């Protein structure tokens, strides 16, 4: 009998482990207007990830113009913000085969605002970067994050006016040194109106989206996340150990900048199919279930 319970417990643990690694089924174009749809988001991913678009490239300018048009069409009050990239970022871009001179050593952020019913409340920001490394089309990193935000804005507008103002921040030059995030959080007029930020990232081409980092002193944020997460497609994936390990790694994401300023928020990313990280990452090999989950 003890052997039976042991085998049964191991089988149940294995089943739970397997289920916890599954991505949700992608939603199609027939999904309700108020819901997130992978198929709708993938249309933007395919447009963004046609080719690599590092800072200073012709495709970087193409992607920026496309995003400005999409943001305006979604009803966002859209503006741009420019600022200098650092010398270190310029050197890094050049070592990777990019051309900082073509960008005039400048990063360009795209900012959209969807006003809420109560402008006195702190705003919520959705953040992702639109630049890529020179060797990758970046369907995952970070076209998925950008496209997921665009689809989220569309779905939120379909639900009607929200209480809080939403700020969409598509940062530039993340791949070479987080310069776009530093430019925005270093002095943009909207900066001090934002009470929380959700950053979307990828370090691979698939898998479940994990919430791996929060702002400091985040008990209230975690409580809110746990209540909201039960309604997410496929549930949520989070691990307190992930934040501990991540803080000891030498690299960061755009979320590092507002976090260091004391802003609350969540950092989410998927890390499956690691062979696609900063390598071949086209829309044809992207895990569509991962798009649904992070959305």
C-alpha atoms as a PDB file:
ATOM      1  CA  UNK A   1       0.000   0.000   0.000  1.00  0.00           C
ATOM      2  CA  UNK A   2       2.835   2.383   0.826  1.00  0.00           C
ATOM      3  CA  UNK A   3       4.380   1.642  -2.570  1.00  0.00           C
ATOM      4  CA  UNK A   4       1.038   2.436  -4.208  1.00  0.00           C
ATOM      5  CA  UNK A   5       0.813   5.819  -2.484  1.00  0.00           C
ATOM      6  CA  UNK A   6       4.444   6.589  -3.338  1.00  0.00           C
ATOM      7  CA  UNK A   7       3.975   5.779  -7.026  1.00  0.00           C
ATOM      8  CA  UNK A   8       0.669   7.627  -7.099  1.00  0.00           C
ATOM      9  CA  UNK A   9       2.172  10.705  -5.481  1.00  0.00           C
ATOM     10  CA  UNK A  10       5.085  10.736  -7.924  1.00  0.00           C
ATOM     11  CA  UNK A  11       2.732  10.346 -10.880  1.00  0.00           C
ATOM     12  CA  UNK A  12       0.550  13.200  -9.611  1.00  0.00           C
ATOM     13  CA  UNK A  13       3.597  15.402  -9.073  1.00  0.00           C
ATOM     14  CA  UNK A  14       4.792  14.623 -12.609  1.00  0.00           C
ATOM     15  CA  UNK A  15       1.362  15.456 -14.044  1.00  0.00           C
ATOM     16  CA  UNK A  16       1.244  18.760 -12.159  1.00  0.00           C
ATOM     17  CA  UNK A  17       4.760  19.555 -13.338  1.00  0.00           C
ATOM     18  CA  UNK A  18       3.892  18.855 -16.966  1.00  0.00           C
ATOM     19  CA  UNK A  19       0.675  20.888 -16.795  1.00  0.00           C
ATOM     20  CA  UNK A  20       2.508  23.802 -15.189  1.00  0.00           C
ATOM     21  CA  UNK A  21       4.792  24.017 -18.250  1.00  0.00           C
ATOM     22  CA  UNK A  22       2.008  24.147 -20.840  1.00  0.00           C
ATOM     23  CA  UNK A  23       1.162  27.366 -22.650  1.00  0.00           C
ATOM     24  CA  UNK A  24      -2.497  28.273 -23.219  1.00  0.00           C
ATOM     25  CA  UNK A  25      -4.250  27.715 -26.528  1.00  0.00           C
ATOM     26  CA  UNK A  26      -3.799  30.760 -28.790  1.00  0.00           C
ATOM     27  CA  UNK A  27      -6.998  32.759 -29.320  1.00  0.00           C
ATOM     28  CA  UNK A  28      -8.031  33.371 -32.916  1.00  0.00           C
ATOM     29  CA  UNK A  29      -9.573  36.272 -34.751  1.00  0.00           C
ATOM     30  CA  UNK A  30     -13.013  35.145 -33.582  1.00  0.00           C
ATOM     31  CA  UNK A  31     -12.131  35.960 -29.960  1.00  0.00           C
ATOM     32  CA  UNK A  32     -14.356  38.636 -28.365  1.00  0.00           C
ATOM     33  CA  UNK A  33     -13.257  42.206 -28.958  1.00  0.00           C
ATOM     34  CA  UNK A  34     -12.671  42.603 -25.216  1.00  0.00           C
ATOM     35  CA  UNK A  35     -10.287  39.618 -25.079  1.00  0.00           C
ATOM     36  CA  UNK A  36      -6.631  39.238 -25.996  1.00  0.00           C
ATOM     37  CA  UNK A  37      -6.097  37.390 -29.283  1.00  0.00           C
ATOM     38  CA  UNK A  38      -2.811  35.845 -30.402  1.00  0.00           C
ATOM     39  CA  UNK A  39      -3.871  35.983 -34.037  1.00  0.00           C
ATOM     40  CA  UNK A  40      -4.487  39.721 -33.821  1.00  0.00           C
ATOM     41  CA  UNK A  41      -1.160  40.277 -32.035  1.00  0.00           C
ATOM     42  CA  UNK A  42       0.707  38.101 -34.538  1.00  0.00           C
ATOM     43  CA  UNK A  43      -0.203  40.453 -37.379  1.00  0.00           C
ATOM     44  CA  UNK A  44       1.928  43.087 -35.648  1.00  0.00           C
ATOM     45  CA  UNK A  45       4.696  40.611 -34.813  1.00  0.00           C
ATOM     46  CA  UNK A  46       5.001  39.669 -38.483  1.00  0.00           C
ATOM     47  CA  UNK A  47       5.199  43.325 -39.509  1.00  0.00           C
ATOM     48  CA  UNK A  48       7.753  44.240 -36.846  1.00  0.00           C
ATOM     49  CA  UNK A  49       9.982  41.174 -37.217  1.00  0.00           C
ATOM     50  CA  UNK A  50      10.479  41.174 -40.976  1.00  0.00           C
ATOM     51  CA  UNK A  51      14.194  41.822 -40.476  1.00  0.00           C
ATOM     52  CA  UNK A  52      16.589  42.885 -37.704  1.00  0.00           C
ATOM     53  CA  UNK A  53      16.014  46.507 -36.682  1.00  0.00           C
ATOM     54  CA  UNK A  54      18.848  47.696 -34.444  1.00  0.00           C
ATOM     55  CA  UNK A  55      19.300  51.355 -33.569  1.00  0.00           C
ATOM     56  CA  UNK A  56      20.334  53.365 -36.624  1.00  0.00           C
ATOM     57  CA  UNK A  57      19.211  50.890 -39.283  1.00  0.00           C
ATOM     58  CA  UNK A  58      16.723  51.559 -42.068  1.00  0.00           C
ATOM     59  CA  UNK A  59      14.410  48.907 -40.603  1.00  0.00           C
ATOM     60  CA  UNK A  60      14.607  50.603 -37.228  1.00  0.00           C
ATOM     61  CA  UNK A  61      13.138  53.726 -38.839  1.00  0.00           C
ATOM     62  CA  UNK A  62      10.523  51.592 -40.634  1.00  0.00           C
ATOM     63  CA  UNK A  63       9.428  49.942 -37.379  1.00  0.00           C
ATOM     64  CA  UNK A  64       9.282  53.278 -35.573  1.00  0.00           C
ATOM     65  CA  UNK A  65       7.028  54.789 -38.235  1.00  0.00           C
ATOM     66  CA  UNK A  66       4.784  51.711 -38.250  1.00  0.00           C
ATOM     67  CA  UNK A  67       4.393  51.848 -34.477  1.00  0.00           C
ATOM     68  CA  UNK A  68       3.555  55.537 -34.504  1.00  0.00           C
ATOM     69  CA  UNK A  69       0.794  54.831 -37.015  1.00  0.00           C
ATOM     70  CA  UNK A  70      -0.538  51.872 -35.006  1.00  0.00           C
ATOM     71  CA  UNK A  71      -0.546  53.817 -31.754  1.00  0.00           C
ATOM     72  CA  UNK A  72      -2.411  56.722 -33.308  1.00  0.00           C
ATOM     73  CA  UNK A  73      -4.938  54.363 -34.917  1.00  0.00           C
ATOM     74  CA  UNK A  74      -5.605  52.824 -31.493  1.00  0.00           C
ATOM     75  CA  UNK A  75      -6.563  56.226 -30.118  1.00  0.00           C
ATOM     76  CA  UNK A  76      -3.411  56.846 -28.117  1.00  0.00           C
ATOM     77  CA  UNK A  77      -2.152  60.401 -27.725  1.00  0.00           C
ATOM     78  CA  UNK A  78       1.205  59.664 -29.323  1.00  0.00           C
ATOM     79  CA  UNK A  79       4.501  61.511 -29.021  1.00  0.00           C
ATOM     80  CA  UNK A  80       8.220  60.815 -29.349  1.00  0.00           C
ATOM     81  CA  UNK A  81      11.109  61.504 -27.012  1.00  0.00           C
ATOM     82  CA  UNK A  82      14.730  61.573 -28.082  1.00  0.00           C
ATOM     83  CA  UNK A  83      17.936  61.552 -26.126  1.00  0.00           C
ATOM     84  CA  UNK A  84      21.603  60.581 -26.437  1.00  0.00           C
ATOM     85  CA  UNK A  85      22.864  57.037 -26.167  1.00  0.00           C
ATOM     86  CA  UNK A  86      25.911  56.544 -23.990  1.00  0.00           C
ATOM     87  CA  UNK A  87      29.422  56.110 -25.318  1.00  0.00           C
ATOM     88  CA  UNK A  88      29.446  52.585 -23.968  1.00  0.00           C
ATOM     89  CA  UNK A  89      26.221  51.779 -25.797  1.00  0.00           C
ATOM     90  CA  UNK A  90      27.615  53.207 -29.030  1.00  0.00           C
ATOM     91  CA  UNK A  91      30.748  51.066 -28.693  1.00  0.00           C
ATOM     92  CA  UNK A  92      28.672  47.963 -27.961  1.00  0.00           C
ATOM     93  CA  UNK A  93      26.396  48.564 -30.951  1.00  0.00           C
ATOM     94  CA  UNK A  94      29.426  49.028 -33.196  1.00  0.00           C
ATOM     95  CA  UNK A  95      31.018  45.786 -31.926  1.00  0.00           C
ATOM     96  CA  UNK A  96      27.810  43.915 -32.820  1.00  0.00           C
ATOM     97  CA  UNK A  97      27.922  45.300 -36.347  1.00  0.00           C
ATOM     98  CA  UNK A  98      25.504  48.218 -35.906  1.00  0.00           C
ATOM     99  CA  UNK A  99      25.966  51.858 -36.808  1.00  0.00           C
ATOM    100  CA  UNK A 100      25.398  54.402 -34.025  1.00  0.00           C
ATOM    101  CA  UNK A 101      26.418  57.248 -36.352  1.00  0.00           C
ATOM    102  CA  UNK A 102      23.398  56.497 -38.578  1.00  0.00           C
ATOM    103  CA  UNK A 103      21.172  57.214 -35.575  1.00  0.00           C
ATOM    104  CA  UNK A 104      23.133  60.365 -34.751  1.00  0.00           C
ATOM    105  CA  UNK A 105      23.980  58.652 -31.423  1.00  0.00           C
ATOM    106  CA  UNK A 106      20.330  59.132 -30.457  1.00  0.00           C
ATOM    107  CA  UNK A 107      17.589  56.892 -29.062  1.00  0.00           C
ATOM    108  CA  UNK A 108      13.916  57.581 -29.832  1.00  0.00           C
ATOM    109  CA  UNK A 109      11.164  56.479 -27.457  1.00  0.00           C
ATOM    110  CA  UNK A 110       7.528  56.234 -28.511  1.00  0.00           C
ATOM    111  CA  UNK A 111       4.972  57.272 -25.900  1.00  0.00           C
ATOM    112  CA  UNK A 112       1.219  56.872 -26.013  1.00  0.00           C
ATOM    113  CA  UNK A 113      -1.391  57.991 -23.491  1.00  0.00           C
ATOM    114  CA  UNK A 114      -4.925  56.643 -23.067  1.00  0.00           C
ATOM    115  CA  UNK A 115      -6.609  58.993 -20.588  1.00  0.00           C
ATOM    116  CA  UNK A 116      -8.552  57.440 -17.714  1.00  0.00           C
ATOM    117  CA  UNK A 117     -11.739  58.648 -16.069  1.00  0.00           C
ATOM    118  CA  UNK A 118      -9.833  59.897 -13.018  1.00  0.00           C
ATOM    119  CA  UNK A 119      -6.636  61.721 -14.056  1.00  0.00           C
ATOM    120  CA  UNK A 120      -5.826  62.353 -10.389  1.00  0.00           C
ATOM    121  CA  UNK A 121      -4.984  58.669  -9.893  1.00  0.00           C
ATOM    122  CA  UNK A 122      -1.444  57.423 -10.594  1.00  0.00           C
ATOM    123  CA  UNK A 123      -1.158  56.034 -14.125  1.00  0.00           C
ATOM    124  CA  UNK A 124      -0.184  52.519 -15.163  1.00  0.00           C
ATOM    125  CA  UNK A 125       2.547  52.077 -17.786  1.00  0.00           C
ATOM    126  CA  UNK A 126       2.962  49.178 -20.212  1.00  0.00           C
ATOM    127  CA  UNK A 127       6.566  49.000 -21.411  1.00  0.00           C
ATOM    128  CA  UNK A 128       8.502  47.034 -24.048  1.00  0.00           C
ATOM    129  CA  UNK A 129      11.457  47.841 -26.293  1.00  0.00           C
ATOM    130  CA  UNK A 130      11.218  47.969 -30.070  1.00  0.00           C
ATOM    131  CA  UNK A 131      14.903  47.774 -31.055  1.00  0.00           C
ATOM    132  CA  UNK A 132      16.685  44.477 -31.755  1.00  0.00           C
ATOM    133  CA  UNK A 133      20.253  43.277 -31.934  1.00  0.00           C
ATOM    134  CA  UNK A 134      21.776  43.391 -35.462  1.00  0.00           C
ATOM    135  CA  UNK A 135      21.708  39.596 -35.845  1.00  0.00           C
ATOM    136  CA  UNK A 136      18.061  38.915 -34.989  1.00  0.00           C
ATOM    137  CA  UNK A 137      14.659  39.909 -36.360  1.00  0.00           C
ATOM    138  CA  UNK A 138      13.467  39.836 -32.764  1.00  0.00           C
ATOM    139  CA  UNK A 139      10.049  38.218 -33.145  1.00  0.00           C
ATOM    140  CA  UNK A 140      10.283  37.225 -29.489  1.00  0.00           C
ATOM    141  CA  UNK A 141      12.703  39.836 -28.132  1.00  0.00           C
ATOM    142  CA  UNK A 142      10.855  42.093 -28.113  1.00  0.00           C
ATOM    143  CA  UNK A 143       8.315  42.241 -30.924  1.00  0.00           C
ATOM    144  CA  UNK A 144       6.084  39.936 -28.880  1.00  0.00           C
ATOM    145  CA  UNK A 145       6.096  42.411 -25.988  1.00  0.00           C
ATOM    146  CA  UNK A 146       5.342  45.343 -28.282  1.00  0.00           C
ATOM    147  CA  UNK A 147       2.585  43.491 -30.143  1.00  0.00           C
ATOM    148  CA  UNK A 148       1.077  42.208 -26.893  1.00  0.00           C
ATOM    149  CA  UNK A 149       0.814  45.773 -25.623  1.00  0.00           C
ATOM    150  CA  UNK A 150      -0.846  46.967 -28.831  1.00  0.00           C
ATOM    151  CA  UNK A 151      -3.389  44.135 -28.633  1.00  0.00           C
ATOM    152  CA  UNK A 152      -3.926  44.862 -24.932  1.00  0.00           C
ATOM    153  CA  UNK A 153      -4.679  48.516 -25.662  1.00  0.00           C
ATOM    154  CA  UNK A 154      -7.171  47.475 -28.330  1.00  0.00           C
ATOM    155  CA  UNK A 155      -8.924  45.079 -25.917  1.00  0.00           C
ATOM    156  CA  UNK A 156      -8.977  47.625 -23.083  1.00  0.00           C
ATOM    157  CA  UNK A 157     -10.541  50.254 -25.334  1.00  0.00           C
ATOM    158  CA  UNK A 158     -13.194  47.730 -26.327  1.00  0.00           C
ATOM    159  CA  UNK A 159     -14.119  47.379 -22.636  1.00  0.00           C
ATOM    160  CA  UNK A 160     -14.765  51.094 -22.264  1.00  0.00           C
ATOM    161  CA  UNK A 161     -12.970  53.878 -20.384  1.00  0.00           C
ATOM    162  CA  UNK A 162     -10.783  52.728 -17.517  1.00  0.00           C
ATOM    163  CA  UNK A 163     -10.455  54.478 -14.169  1.00  0.00           C
ATOM    164  CA  UNK A 164      -6.725  55.077 -14.525  1.00  0.00           C
ATOM    165  CA  UNK A 165      -4.707  56.609 -17.312  1.00  0.00           C
ATOM    166  CA  UNK A 166      -2.667  54.124 -19.327  1.00  0.00           C
ATOM    167  CA  UNK A 167       0.797  55.075 -20.589  1.00  0.00           C
ATOM    168  CA  UNK A 168       2.321  52.991 -23.377  1.00  0.00           C
ATOM    169  CA  UNK A 169       6.106  53.233 -23.500  1.00  0.00           C
ATOM    170  CA  UNK A 170       7.997  51.650 -26.372  1.00  0.00           C
ATOM    171  CA  UNK A 171      11.628  52.223 -25.490  1.00  0.00           C
ATOM    172  CA  UNK A 172      14.601  52.358 -27.817  1.00  0.00           C
ATOM    173  CA  UNK A 173      18.200  51.170 -27.370  1.00  0.00           C
ATOM    174  CA  UNK A 174      17.392  48.554 -24.734  1.00  0.00           C
ATOM    175  CA  UNK A 175      19.625  46.005 -26.407  1.00  0.00           C
ATOM    176  CA  UNK A 176      22.703  48.200 -26.195  1.00  0.00           C
ATOM    177  CA  UNK A 177      22.402  49.590 -22.684  1.00  0.00           C
ATOM    178  CA  UNK A 178      18.831  50.436 -21.544  1.00  0.00           C
ATOM    179  CA  UNK A 179      19.323  53.962 -22.864  1.00  0.00           C
ATOM    180  CA  UNK A 180      15.709  54.569 -23.882  1.00  0.00           C
ATOM    181  CA  UNK A 181      14.452  53.650 -20.425  1.00  0.00           C
ATOM    182  CA  UNK A 182      17.043  55.909 -18.805  1.00  0.00           C
ATOM    183  CA  UNK A 183      15.984  58.783 -21.059  1.00  0.00           C
ATOM    184  CA  UNK A 184      12.294  58.406 -20.172  1.00  0.00           C
ATOM    185  CA  UNK A 185      12.611  57.719 -16.452  1.00  0.00           C
ATOM    186  CA  UNK A 186      15.343  60.308 -16.158  1.00  0.00           C
ATOM    187  CA  UNK A 187      13.185  63.288 -16.960  1.00  0.00           C
ATOM    188  CA  UNK A 188      10.026  62.837 -19.063  1.00  0.00           C
ATOM    189  CA  UNK A 189       7.088  64.913 -17.722  1.00  0.00           C
ATOM    190  CA  UNK A 190       4.924  61.765 -17.448  1.00  0.00           C
ATOM    191  CA  UNK A 191       7.463  59.972 -15.307  1.00  0.00           C
ATOM    192  CA  UNK A 192       6.163  61.158 -11.947  1.00  0.00           C
ATOM    193  CA  UNK A 193       2.531  60.437 -12.851  1.00  0.00           C
ATOM    194  CA  UNK A 194       3.198  56.698 -13.170  1.00  0.00           C
ATOM    195  CA  UNK A 195       2.478  54.593 -10.101  1.00  0.00           C
ATOM    196  CA  UNK A 196       3.190  51.162 -11.584  1.00  0.00           C
ATOM    197  CA  UNK A 197       4.801  49.698 -14.692  1.00  0.00           C
ATOM    198  CA  UNK A 198       4.427  46.322 -16.410  1.00  0.00           C
ATOM    199  CA  UNK A 199       7.406  45.367 -18.564  1.00  0.00           C
ATOM    200  CA  UNK A 200       7.232  42.597 -21.181  1.00  0.00           C
ATOM    201  CA  UNK A 201      10.382  40.787 -22.313  1.00  0.00           C
ATOM    202  CA  UNK A 202      11.655  37.531 -23.817  1.00  0.00           C
ATOM    203  CA  UNK A 203      14.871  35.559 -23.511  1.00  0.00           C
ATOM    204  CA  UNK A 204      14.025  32.781 -25.922  1.00  0.00           C
ATOM    205  CA  UNK A 205      11.325  31.878 -28.389  1.00  0.00           C
ATOM    206  CA  UNK A 206       8.689  30.159 -26.308  1.00  0.00           C
ATOM    207  CA  UNK A 207       7.462  28.754 -23.011  1.00  0.00           C
ATOM    208  CA  UNK A 208       5.244  30.196 -20.344  1.00  0.00           C
ATOM    209  CA  UNK A 209       5.593  33.831 -19.388  1.00  0.00           C
ATOM    210  CA  UNK A 210       7.035  34.076 -15.892  1.00  0.00           C
ATOM    211  CA  UNK A 211       6.618  37.017 -13.559  1.00  0.00           C
ATOM    212  CA  UNK A 212      10.198  37.083 -12.314  1.00  0.00           C
ATOM    213  CA  UNK A 213      10.674  40.547 -10.796  1.00  0.00           C
ATOM    214  CA  UNK A 214       8.742  43.206  -8.910  1.00  0.00           C
ATOM    215  CA  UNK A 215       9.485  46.575  -7.444  1.00  0.00           C
ATOM    216  CA  UNK A 216      10.937  46.668  -3.953  1.00  0.00           C
ATOM    217  CA  UNK A 217       8.619  46.226  -0.981  1.00  0.00           C
ATOM    218  CA  UNK A 218       6.066  44.620  -3.267  1.00  0.00           C
ATOM    219  CA  UNK A 219       3.658  42.847  -0.895  1.00  0.00           C
ATOM    220  CA  UNK A 220       0.652  44.826  -2.153  1.00  0.00           C
ATOM    221  CA  UNK A 221       1.736  44.339  -5.777  1.00  0.00           C
ATOM    222  CA  UNK A 222       2.001  40.564  -5.307  1.00  0.00           C
ATOM    223  CA  UNK A 223      -1.401  40.440  -3.617  1.00  0.00           C
ATOM    224  CA  UNK A 224      -2.990  42.316  -6.520  1.00  0.00           C
ATOM    225  CA  UNK A 225      -1.166  40.138  -9.056  1.00  0.00           C
ATOM    226  CA  UNK A 226      -2.378  36.948  -7.392  1.00  0.00           C
ATOM    227  CA  UNK A 227      -5.994  38.159  -7.475  1.00  0.00           C
ATOM    228  CA  UNK A 228      -5.802  39.238 -11.113  1.00  0.00           C
ATOM    229  CA  UNK A 229      -3.824  36.185 -12.214  1.00  0.00           C
ATOM    230  CA  UNK A 230      -6.638  33.705 -11.679  1.00  0.00           C
ATOM    231  CA  UNK A 231      -8.364  35.247 -14.721  1.00  0.00           C
ATOM    232  CA  UNK A 232      -5.319  34.935 -16.996  1.00  0.00           C
ATOM    233  CA  UNK A 233      -5.302  32.387 -19.831  1.00  0.00           C
ATOM    234  CA  UNK A 234      -3.310  29.451 -18.505  1.00  0.00           C
ATOM    235  CA  UNK A 235      -2.924  30.951 -15.038  1.00  0.00           C
ATOM    236  CA  UNK A 236       0.282  32.611 -13.887  1.00  0.00           C
ATOM    237  CA  UNK A 237       3.839  31.463 -13.370  1.00  0.00           C
ATOM    238  CA  UNK A 238       5.946  33.117 -10.686  1.00  0.00           C
ATOM    239  CA  UNK A 239       8.772  32.089  -8.389  1.00  0.00           C
ATOM    240  CA  UNK A 240      10.225  34.124  -5.546  1.00  0.00           C
ATOM    241  CA  UNK A 241      13.618  32.499  -6.162  1.00  0.00           C
ATOM    242  CA  UNK A 242      13.694  33.925  -9.705  1.00  0.00           C
ATOM    243  CA  UNK A 243      13.950  37.490  -8.426  1.00  0.00           C
ATOM    244  CA  UNK A 244      16.747  36.543  -6.028  1.00  0.00           C
ATOM    245  CA  UNK A 245      18.762  34.887  -8.804  1.00  0.00           C
ATOM    246  CA  UNK A 246      18.020  37.589 -11.381  1.00  0.00           C
ATOM    247  CA  UNK A 247      19.282  40.415  -9.137  1.00  0.00           C
ATOM    248  CA  UNK A 248      22.657  38.673  -8.991  1.00  0.00           C
ATOM    249  CA  UNK A 249      23.022  38.441 -12.750  1.00  0.00           C
ATOM    250  CA  UNK A 250      25.105  41.084 -14.572  1.00  0.00           C
ATOM    251  CA  UNK A 251      22.407  42.044 -17.097  1.00  0.00           C
ATOM    252  CA  UNK A 252      19.130  43.897 -16.680  1.00  0.00           C
ATOM    253  CA  UNK A 253      15.989  44.932 -18.526  1.00  0.00           C
ATOM    254  CA  UNK A 254      14.222  48.253 -18.955  1.00  0.00           C
ATOM    255  CA  UNK A 255      12.375  47.481 -15.699  1.00  0.00           C
ATOM    256  CA  UNK A 256      15.668  47.925 -13.847  1.00  0.00           C
ATOM    257  CA  UNK A 257      15.462  51.690 -14.336  1.00  0.00           C
ATOM    258  CA  UNK A 258      12.026  52.436 -12.785  1.00  0.00           C
ATOM    259  CA  UNK A 259      12.633  49.815 -10.113  1.00  0.00           C
ATOM    260  CA  UNK A 260      15.752  51.666  -8.984  1.00  0.00           C
ATOM    261  CA  UNK A 261      13.626  54.826  -8.785  1.00  0.00           C
ATOM    262  CA  UNK A 262      11.215  53.093  -6.398  1.00  0.00           C
ATOM    263  CA  UNK A 263       8.385  52.567  -8.894  1.00  0.00           C
ATOM    264  CA  UNK A 264       6.241  49.489  -8.320  1.00  0.00           C
ATOM    265  CA  UNK A 265       5.497  47.019 -11.060  1.00  0.00           C
ATOM    266  CA  UNK A 266       5.959  43.619 -12.646  1.00  0.00           C
ATOM    267  CA  UNK A 267       8.535  42.226 -15.052  1.00  0.00           C
ATOM    268  CA  UNK A 268       7.396  39.311 -17.221  1.00  0.00           C
ATOM    269  CA  UNK A 269       9.259  37.211 -19.782  1.00  0.00           C
ATOM    270  CA  UNK A 270       9.310  33.780 -21.372  1.00  0.00           C
ATOM    271  CA  UNK A 271      12.600  31.913 -21.618  1.00  0.00           C
ATOM    272  CA  UNK A 272      11.808  28.671 -23.472  1.00  0.00           C
ATOM    273  CA  UNK A 273      13.467  27.727 -26.782  1.00  0.00           C
ATOM    274  CA  UNK A 274      16.679  29.525 -25.690  1.00  0.00           C
ATOM    275  CA  UNK A 275      18.408  28.737 -28.995  1.00  0.00           C
ATOM    276  CA  UNK A 276      16.273  31.495 -30.551  1.00  0.00           C
ATOM    277  CA  UNK A 277      17.581  34.192 -28.185  1.00  0.00           C
ATOM    278  CA  UNK A 278      19.505  36.795 -30.201  1.00  0.00           C
ATOM    279  CA  UNK A 279      19.602  34.347 -33.102  1.00  0.00           C
ATOM    280  CA  UNK A 280      17.005  33.291 -35.686  1.00  0.00           C
ATOM    281  CA  UNK A 281      13.793  34.644 -34.217  1.00  0.00           C
ATOM    282  CA  UNK A 282      11.181  35.041 -36.905  1.00  0.00           C
ATOM    283  CA  UNK A 283       7.424  34.929 -36.593  1.00  0.00           C
ATOM    284  CA  UNK A 284       7.453  31.485 -38.218  1.00  0.00           C
ATOM    285  CA  UNK A 285       9.227  29.865 -35.255  1.00  0.00           C
ATOM    286  CA  UNK A 286       7.662  31.865 -32.425  1.00  0.00           C
ATOM    287  CA  UNK A 287       5.603  29.890 -29.902  1.00  0.00           C
ATOM    288  CA  UNK A 288       2.107  31.324 -30.409  1.00  0.00           C
ATOM    289  CA  UNK A 289       0.992  29.968 -27.054  1.00  0.00           C
ATOM    290  CA  UNK A 290       3.686  32.115 -25.418  1.00  0.00           C
ATOM    291  CA  UNK A 291       2.204  35.188 -27.111  1.00  0.00           C
ATOM    292  CA  UNK A 292      -1.204  34.303 -25.664  1.00  0.00           C
ATOM    293  CA  UNK A 293       0.212  33.747 -22.196  1.00  0.00           C
ATOM    294  CA  UNK A 294       2.209  36.960 -21.934  1.00  0.00           C
ATOM    295  CA  UNK A 295      -0.770  38.843 -23.368  1.00  0.00           C
END
